C-alpha atoms as a PDB file:
ATOM      1  CA  MET A   1      13.859   1.152   0.243  1.00  0.00           C
ATOM      2  CA  THR A   2      14.007  -2.599   0.742  1.00  0.00           C
ATOM      3  CA  LYS A   3      11.073  -4.886   1.385  1.00  0.00           C
ATOM      4  CA  GLN A   4      12.212  -5.341   4.997  1.00  0.00           C
ATOM      5  CA  GLU A   5      12.390  -1.568   5.511  1.00  0.00           C
ATOM      6  CA  PHE A   6       8.909  -1.203   4.046  1.00  0.00           C
ATOM      7  CA  LEU A   7       7.459  -3.901   6.321  1.00  0.00           C
ATOM      8  CA  ALA A   8       9.122  -2.318   9.360  1.00  0.00           C
ATOM      9  CA  THR A   9       7.552   1.025   8.444  1.00  0.00           C
ATOM     10  CA  MET A  10       4.112  -0.580   8.110  1.00  0.00           C
ATOM     11  CA  VAL A  11       4.101  -1.200  11.878  1.00  0.00           C
ATOM     12  CA  ARG A  12       3.758   2.569  12.410  1.00  0.00           C
ATOM     13  CA  SER A  13       1.230   3.114   9.605  1.00  0.00           C
ATOM     14  CA  LYS A  14      -2.551   3.372   9.780  1.00  0.00           C
ATOM     15  CA  TRP A  15      -2.916   0.428   7.377  1.00  0.00           C
ATOM     16  CA  LYS A  16      -4.090  -2.860   8.928  1.00  0.00           C
ATOM     17  CA  ARG A  17      -2.744  -6.279   7.956  1.00  0.00           C
ATOM     18  CA  ASP A  18      -5.382  -8.767   6.763  1.00  0.00           C
ATOM     19  CA  ARG A  19      -5.346 -12.551   7.098  1.00  0.00           C
ATOM     20  CA  GLN A  20      -3.563 -12.956   3.733  1.00  0.00           C
ATOM     21  CA  GLY A  21      -0.719 -10.706   4.900  1.00  0.00           C
ATOM     22  CA  GLN A  22      -1.700  -7.743   2.729  1.00  0.00           C
ATOM     23  CA  TYR A  23      -2.434  -4.267   4.099  1.00  0.00           C
ATOM     24  CA  ARG A  24      -5.848  -2.581   3.858  1.00  0.00           C
ATOM     25  CA  LEU A  25      -7.298   0.817   4.611  1.00  0.00           C
ATOM     26  CA  LYS A  26     -10.960   1.869   4.539  1.00  0.00           C
ATOM     27  CA  ARG A  27     -11.591   5.525   3.793  1.00  0.00           C
ATOM     28  CA  ASP A  28     -14.592   7.436   2.398  1.00  0.00           C
ATOM     29  CA  ASN A  29     -16.541   4.189   1.761  1.00  0.00           C
ATOM     30  CA  LEU A  30     -13.643   2.823  -0.295  1.00  0.00           C
ATOM     31  CA  THR A  31     -11.237   0.000   0.521  1.00  0.00           C
ATOM     32  CA  PHE A  32      -7.618   0.234  -0.575  1.00  0.00           C
ATOM     33  CA  ARG A  33      -5.022  -2.517  -0.482  1.00  0.00           C
ATOM     34  CA  LEU A  34      -1.240  -2.634  -0.606  1.00  0.00           C
ATOM     35  CA  ARG A  35      -0.477  -6.073  -2.016  1.00  0.00           C
ATOM     36  CA  ILE A  36       3.029  -7.220  -1.247  1.00  0.00           C
ATOM     37  CA  GLN A  37       4.908  -9.273  -3.816  1.00  0.00           C
ATOM     38  CA  PRO A  38       8.456 -10.663  -3.495  1.00  0.00           C
ATOM     39  CA  ALA A  39      10.069  -7.631  -5.171  1.00  0.00           C
ATOM     40  CA  SER A  40       7.219  -5.152  -5.677  1.00  0.00           C
ATOM     41  CA  LEU A  41       4.186  -3.468  -4.170  1.00  0.00           C
ATOM     42  CA  HIS A  42       0.755  -3.114  -5.806  1.00  0.00           C
ATOM     43  CA  TYR A  43      -1.662  -0.316  -4.854  1.00  0.00           C
ATOM     44  CA  GLU A  44      -5.230  -1.529  -5.452  1.00  0.00           C
ATOM     45  CA  ILE A  45      -8.827  -0.422  -4.858  1.00  0.00           C
ATOM     46  CA  LEU A  46     -11.803  -2.708  -4.210  1.00  0.00           C
ATOM     47  CA  GLN A  47     -14.421  -2.564  -6.969  1.00  0.00           C
ATOM     48  CA  PRO A  48     -18.202  -2.869  -6.353  1.00  0.00           C
ATOM     49  CA  ASP A  49     -18.173  -6.372  -7.881  1.00  0.00           C
ATOM     50  CA  GLY A  50     -15.619  -7.537  -5.268  1.00  0.00           C
ATOM     51  CA  SER A  51     -12.606  -7.587  -7.593  1.00  0.00           C
ATOM     52  CA  TRP A  52      -9.424  -5.576  -7.035  1.00  0.00           C
ATOM     53  CA  TYR A  53      -8.301  -2.929  -9.532  1.00  0.00           C
ATOM     54  CA  LYS A  54      -4.552  -2.284  -9.619  1.00  0.00           C
ATOM     55  CA  LYS A  55      -4.011   1.477  -9.722  1.00  0.00           C
ATOM     56  CA  THR A  56      -0.220   1.253  -9.840  1.00  0.00           C
ATOM     57  CA  SER A  57       2.735  -0.832  -8.756  1.00  0.00           C
ATOM     58  CA  ASP A  58       6.478  -0.492  -8.460  1.00  0.00           C
ATOM     59  CA  TYR A  59       9.574  -2.193  -7.103  1.00  0.00           C
ATOM     60  CA  PHE A  60      10.413  -1.647  -3.437  1.00  0.00           C
ATOM     61  CA  THR A  61      13.685   0.023  -4.452  1.00  0.00           C
ATOM     62  CA  ASN A  62      11.676   2.822  -6.153  1.00  0.00           C
ATOM     63  CA  LEU A  63       9.296   3.530  -3.233  1.00  0.00           C
ATOM     64  CA  ARG A  64       9.710   6.600  -1.038  1.00  0.00           C
ATOM     65  CA  ILE A  65       7.996   7.888   2.068  1.00  0.00           C
ATOM     66  CA  VAL A  66       7.906  11.688   2.275  1.00  0.00           C
ATOM     67  CA  ASP A  67       5.987  13.705   4.885  1.00  0.00           C
ATOM     68  CA  GLY A  68       4.010  10.642   5.972  1.00  0.00           C
ATOM     69  CA  ARG A  69       2.942   9.745   2.429  1.00  0.00           C
ATOM     70  CA  LEU A  70       3.962   6.752   0.344  1.00  0.00           C
ATOM     71  CA  LEU A  71       5.055   7.799  -3.145  1.00  0.00           C
ATOM     72  CA  ILE A  72       4.462   5.295  -5.951  1.00  0.00           C
ATOM     73  CA  HIS A  73       4.853   6.809  -9.415  1.00  0.00           C
ATOM     74  CA  ASP A  74       2.343   9.700  -9.576  1.00  0.00           C
ATOM     75  CA  TYR A  75       0.375   8.544  -6.529  1.00  0.00           C
ATOM     76  CA  SER A  76       0.832  10.062  -3.089  1.00  0.00           C
ATOM     77  CA  ILE A  77      -0.838   7.665  -0.644  1.00  0.00           C
ATOM     78  CA  PRO A  78      -1.655   8.673   2.957  1.00  0.00           C
ATOM     79  CA  PHE A  79       0.490   6.371   4.999  1.00  0.00           C
ATOM     80  CA  MET A  80       1.164   7.586   8.527  1.00  0.00           C
ATOM     81  CA  GLU A  81      -1.293   8.731  11.166  1.00  0.00           C
END
C-alpha cells in the first residue's frame, strides 16, 4: 500500500481527521490516533497525562487492510464502519 492509497481509504473509514492532519478515533473512553509520517504510520493511544504512547508503527508498504481492519504488525485495528 502506498501513502496515497492509505489516505484515499481513510475517506471511507470511521476515523476523523483532526486539525493537525492526523486521524483520531474515540472508543470505550479511549482516544486512538493514526499519526501519518512521510513514509510510515504510527498507531498511538492518548495517556491520562495528555501524552501519546506509540503502540506500533510501520512503513506504508507493509500495511494491509483485511475484512475492514488495518493490520500493523500484530495489531488488528478496526478501520471501516
